[in-house]
Protein backbone atom coordinates (compact mmCIF):
# COMPACT_ATOMS: atom_id res chain seq x y z
CA MET A 1 -2.30 -0.59 27.35
CA LEU A 2 -0.18 -0.14 24.23
CA ARG A 3 -1.04 -2.05 21.10
CA GLU A 4 1.35 -3.31 18.47
CA VAL A 5 2.75 -0.61 16.21
CA PRO A 6 2.53 -1.54 12.49
CA ARG A 7 5.81 -2.98 11.20
CA TYR A 8 6.76 -2.71 7.53
CA LYS A 9 9.54 -1.35 5.36
CA ALA A 10 8.90 2.28 4.44
CA ALA A 11 10.20 4.85 1.97
CA CYS A 12 9.07 8.27 0.84
CA THR A 13 9.80 11.10 -1.55
CA TYR A 14 8.21 14.37 -2.62
CA VAL A 15 6.73 15.17 -6.00
CA THR A 16 7.79 17.88 -8.42
CA GLY A 17 5.82 19.15 -11.36
CA SER A 18 6.80 16.09 -13.38
CA GLN A 19 5.72 13.56 -10.69
CA MET A 20 6.69 10.40 -12.58
CA PRO A 21 10.42 10.40 -11.68
CA GLU A 22 9.57 10.22 -7.98
CA VAL A 23 6.93 7.56 -8.56
CA LYS A 24 9.45 5.47 -10.51
CA LEU A 25 11.93 5.77 -7.64
CA LEU A 26 9.34 4.31 -5.29
CA ILE A 27 8.36 1.54 -7.70
CA ARG A 28 12.00 0.46 -8.01
CA TRP A 29 12.32 0.49 -4.23
CA LEU A 30 9.12 -1.56 -3.74
CA ASP A 31 10.65 -4.14 -6.10
CA VAL A 32 7.56 -6.22 -6.93
CA PRO A 33 5.99 -7.14 -10.29
CA MET A 34 3.62 -4.43 -11.47
CA ALA A 35 0.69 -6.87 -11.27
CA ASP A 36 1.38 -7.20 -7.53
CA LEU A 37 1.69 -3.47 -6.89
CA VAL A 38 -1.21 -1.82 -5.03
CA ALA A 39 -1.40 1.92 -5.72
CA ILE A 40 -3.58 3.99 -3.36
CA PHE A 41 -4.84 7.45 -4.31
CA PRO A 42 -6.72 10.00 -2.16
CA ASP A 43 -9.81 9.84 -4.39
CA ARG A 44 -11.22 8.31 -7.54
CA ARG A 45 -10.48 11.34 -9.72
CA ALA A 46 -6.78 11.30 -8.87
CA GLN A 47 -6.75 7.56 -9.48
CA LEU A 48 -8.23 7.65 -12.98
CA ASP A 49 -7.76 11.13 -14.41
CA THR A 50 -4.08 11.93 -13.89
CA PRO A 51 -1.07 10.99 -16.03
CA VAL A 52 0.39 9.04 -13.10
CA GLY A 53 -2.84 7.10 -12.57
CA MET A 54 -3.23 6.32 -16.26
CA ALA A 55 0.40 5.22 -16.57
CA LEU A 56 0.13 2.91 -13.58
CA GLU A 57 -3.12 1.41 -14.83
CA LYS A 58 -1.57 0.78 -18.23
CA SER A 59 1.41 -0.93 -16.59
CA GLY A 60 -0.87 -3.43 -14.83
CA ALA A 61 -0.77 -2.05 -11.29
CA ARG A 62 -3.94 -2.35 -9.22
CA LEU A 63 -5.39 1.10 -8.47
CA TYR A 64 -7.62 2.04 -5.56
CA SER A 65 -8.99 5.11 -3.86
CA VAL A 66 -8.23 5.31 -0.15
CA LYS A 67 -12.01 5.07 0.36
CA ASP A 68 -12.19 1.72 -1.45
CA HIS A 69 -12.26 -1.66 0.21
CA GLY A 70 -10.74 -4.87 -0.95
CA TRP A 71 -7.09 -4.32 -1.74
CA ASP A 72 -4.83 -7.10 -0.58
CA HIS A 73 -3.54 -7.45 2.93
CA ASN A 74 0.22 -7.96 3.20
CA ALA A 75 0.79 -6.10 -0.07
CA ALA A 76 3.48 -3.74 -1.32
CA VAL A 77 1.68 -0.39 -1.36
CA LEU A 78 2.44 2.74 -3.36
CA GLY A 79 0.70 5.64 -1.59
CA LEU A 80 0.27 8.66 -3.84
CA TRP A 81 -0.40 12.12 -2.38
CA LEU A 82 -1.85 10.70 0.83
CA ASP A 83 -1.68 12.48 4.18
CA ASP A 84 -1.18 11.17 7.70
CA SER A 85 -4.87 10.45 8.26
CA GLN A 86 -5.28 8.60 4.96
CA LEU A 87 -2.24 6.48 5.68
CA THR A 88 -4.21 4.97 8.57
CA ARG A 89 -6.20 2.96 6.00
CA VAL A 90 -2.99 1.75 4.41
CA GLU A 91 -1.59 0.60 7.76
CA ASP A 92 -4.86 -1.18 8.57
CA SER A 93 -4.19 -3.51 5.62
CA ARG A 94 -0.94 -4.71 7.23
CA PRO A 95 1.33 -3.95 4.27
CA THR A 96 4.77 -5.47 3.88
CA LYS A 97 6.20 -2.34 2.24
CA VAL A 98 4.89 1.22 1.87
CA GLY A 99 6.32 3.80 -0.50
CA VAL A 100 4.75 7.26 -0.19
CA ALA A 101 4.92 10.17 -2.62
CA ALA A 102 3.61 13.32 -0.93
CA TRP A 103 3.21 16.87 -2.21
CA THR A 104 5.00 18.28 0.86
CA PRO A 105 6.73 16.76 3.89
CA HIS A 106 4.14 18.36 6.17
CA GLN A 107 1.38 16.14 4.75
CA ILE A 108 3.07 13.14 6.29
CA ASP A 109 4.93 14.67 9.24
CA ILE A 110 3.60 12.24 11.82
CA TRP A 111 3.97 9.16 9.59
CA ARG A 112 7.48 10.20 8.57
CA LEU A 113 8.69 10.81 12.12
CA ALA A 114 6.90 7.83 13.68
CA ARG A 115 7.71 5.24 10.98
CA ASP A 116 11.16 6.52 9.92
CA PRO A 117 10.97 5.89 6.15
CA VAL A 118 13.97 6.04 3.85
CA GLU A 119 13.92 9.30 1.85
CA LEU A 120 14.78 8.23 -1.69
CA ALA A 121 15.34 11.49 -3.53
CA GLY A 122 17.85 12.97 -1.10
CA VAL A 123 15.60 15.90 -0.22
CA GLU A 124 16.73 17.88 2.81
CA LEU A 125 13.81 17.42 5.17
CA PRO A 126 12.69 20.22 7.49
CA THR A 127 13.99 19.96 11.03
CA ARG A 128 11.62 20.04 13.96
CA ASN A 129 11.92 21.17 17.55
CA GLU A 130 12.82 18.18 19.69
CA LEU A 131 10.70 17.74 22.79
CA ASP A 132 12.05 18.61 26.19
CA PRO A 133 12.71 15.27 27.96
CA VAL A 134 10.13 16.17 30.60
CA VAL A 135 7.51 16.67 27.89
CA THR A 136 8.53 13.36 26.33
CA ALA A 137 8.08 11.63 29.70
CA ALA A 138 4.62 13.19 30.00
CA MET A 139 3.63 12.01 26.52
CA ASP A 140 4.93 8.53 27.31
CA ASP A 141 2.67 8.60 30.37
CA VAL A 142 -0.32 9.60 28.24
CA ALA A 143 0.43 6.83 25.73
CA ASN A 144 0.93 4.20 28.43
CA MET A 145 -2.32 5.00 30.25
CA SER A 146 -4.40 5.23 27.05
CA ASN A 147 -6.40 2.68 25.14
CA PRO A 148 -5.26 3.30 21.55
CA ALA A 149 -8.45 1.80 20.16
CA ASN A 150 -10.42 4.70 21.68
CA GLY A 151 -8.45 7.44 19.94
CA LEU A 152 -8.95 10.93 21.30
CA THR A 153 -12.06 10.14 23.33
CA SER A 154 -12.96 9.32 26.91
CA TYR A 155 -10.07 9.20 29.38
CA ASN A 156 -7.52 9.28 26.53
CA ARG A 157 -8.56 12.85 25.81
CA THR A 158 -8.94 14.00 29.40
CA GLY A 159 -5.60 12.47 30.33
CA ALA A 160 -3.92 14.33 27.47
CA VAL A 161 -5.55 17.61 28.51
CA ASP A 162 -4.39 17.03 32.10
CA ALA A 163 -0.82 16.41 30.93
CA PHE A 164 -0.67 19.50 28.76
CA ARG A 165 -2.27 21.63 31.49
CA ILE A 166 0.36 20.48 34.02
CA LEU A 167 3.22 21.05 31.60
CA ARG A 168 1.95 24.51 30.72
CA LYS A 169 1.54 25.40 34.41
CA HIS A 170 5.22 24.59 34.97
CA GLY A 171 6.45 26.61 32.01
CA TYR A 172 7.04 23.91 29.40
CA THR A 173 6.34 24.30 25.67
CA TRP A 174 6.31 21.71 22.92
CA ASP A 175 6.02 20.96 19.22
CA PRO A 176 2.47 19.59 18.67
CA VAL A 177 3.56 17.24 15.88
CA GLU A 178 6.34 15.79 18.01
CA THR A 179 3.88 15.08 20.84
CA ALA A 180 1.67 13.23 18.35
CA VAL A 181 4.64 11.18 17.17
CA VAL A 182 5.06 9.83 20.71
CA VAL A 183 1.51 8.47 20.83
CA ALA A 184 1.77 7.17 17.25
CA ARG A 185 4.84 5.20 18.28
CA GLY A 186 2.86 4.03 21.29
CA GLY A 187 0.14 2.37 19.24
CA TRP A 188 -2.30 5.14 18.30
CA ASP A 189 -3.30 5.09 14.65
CA LEU A 190 -2.14 7.97 12.47
CA ASP A 191 -5.55 9.59 12.14
CA ASP A 192 -5.98 9.72 15.93
CA ALA A 193 -2.41 10.96 16.29
CA ARG A 194 -3.22 13.83 13.89
CA LYS A 195 -6.20 14.76 16.09
CA PHE A 196 -3.88 14.56 19.10
CA ALA A 197 -1.57 17.07 17.39
CA GLU A 198 -4.52 19.45 16.96
CA LEU A 199 -5.42 19.16 20.65
CA SER A 200 -1.75 19.66 21.54
CA ALA A 201 -1.65 22.85 19.44
CA ASP A 202 -4.79 24.17 21.14
CA MET A 203 -3.29 23.59 24.57
CA LEU A 204 0.01 25.18 23.53
CA ALA A 205 -1.95 28.24 22.39
CA GLY A 206 -3.42 28.59 25.86
CA LYS A 207 -6.91 27.25 25.34
CA SER A 208 -8.70 26.25 28.52
CA LEU A 209 -10.02 22.74 27.96
CA ARG A 210 -11.60 20.47 30.53
CA GLY A 211 -9.49 17.63 31.87
CA GLY A 212 -10.67 14.69 33.85
CA GLY A 213 -8.36 14.35 36.81
CA GLU A 214 -6.57 11.42 35.19
CA LEU A 215 -3.24 13.01 36.14
CA SER A 216 -2.50 15.12 39.21
CA ASP A 217 -0.16 18.09 39.43
CA ASN A 218 2.30 15.82 41.25
CA SER A 219 2.89 14.02 37.94
CA ILE A 220 5.44 16.70 37.06
CA HIS A 221 7.79 15.23 39.70
CA ARG A 222 7.58 11.78 38.13
CA TRP A 223 8.23 13.18 34.67
CA ARG A 224 11.24 15.11 35.91
CA GLU A 225 12.62 12.05 37.69
CA ALA A 226 12.34 10.15 34.40
CA SER A 227 14.38 12.91 32.72
CA PRO A 228 17.92 12.97 34.21
CA GLY A 229 19.39 16.44 34.56
CA ARG A 230 16.02 18.18 34.39
């Protein structure tokens, strides 16, 4: 029941106190006339009352808050200080290119790992704990049986809880962000994937949440069979 994953060219970098050098790197990479550049900010204040916002407005770029409506579909988008959840709105507009400047890598962990952007400034990105192949097989199962349009509701949620409960019962652990990356690659939007990461973290911490019988304990055998050597 997977849906199409957004396809566009992507780049990112991380801001310093000066901010503008990183923004200029992204503008050069986006490589469109300033009048065609769509710059998306997290809120109206950041859009209008910061040196970066004022400089972009003066240069002729079109500025929007992430809460606005009406920026062009199929545009080259400069996303400034957005997080994973806010980048959902950007992806909904079917951009051709997205360049993101974030305060820290962790703001865009899921987007970065799921969309594989070019890192322009040569920053050494933090490494993450790769998933055990059995856990990856379980997350693939969750993604394949889900309806991405429903997000973390209904049987999507109960199926995820079942999977984590089974994995935990058999002694597996996981990186919550990495589990969310699997469903993001499987068609879930970034905001729902972020909520999935929160559920994943709760289950890793041992919380007892109600599943729905979407997956039986025998699923562990299928996941292991899909993971040679495990």
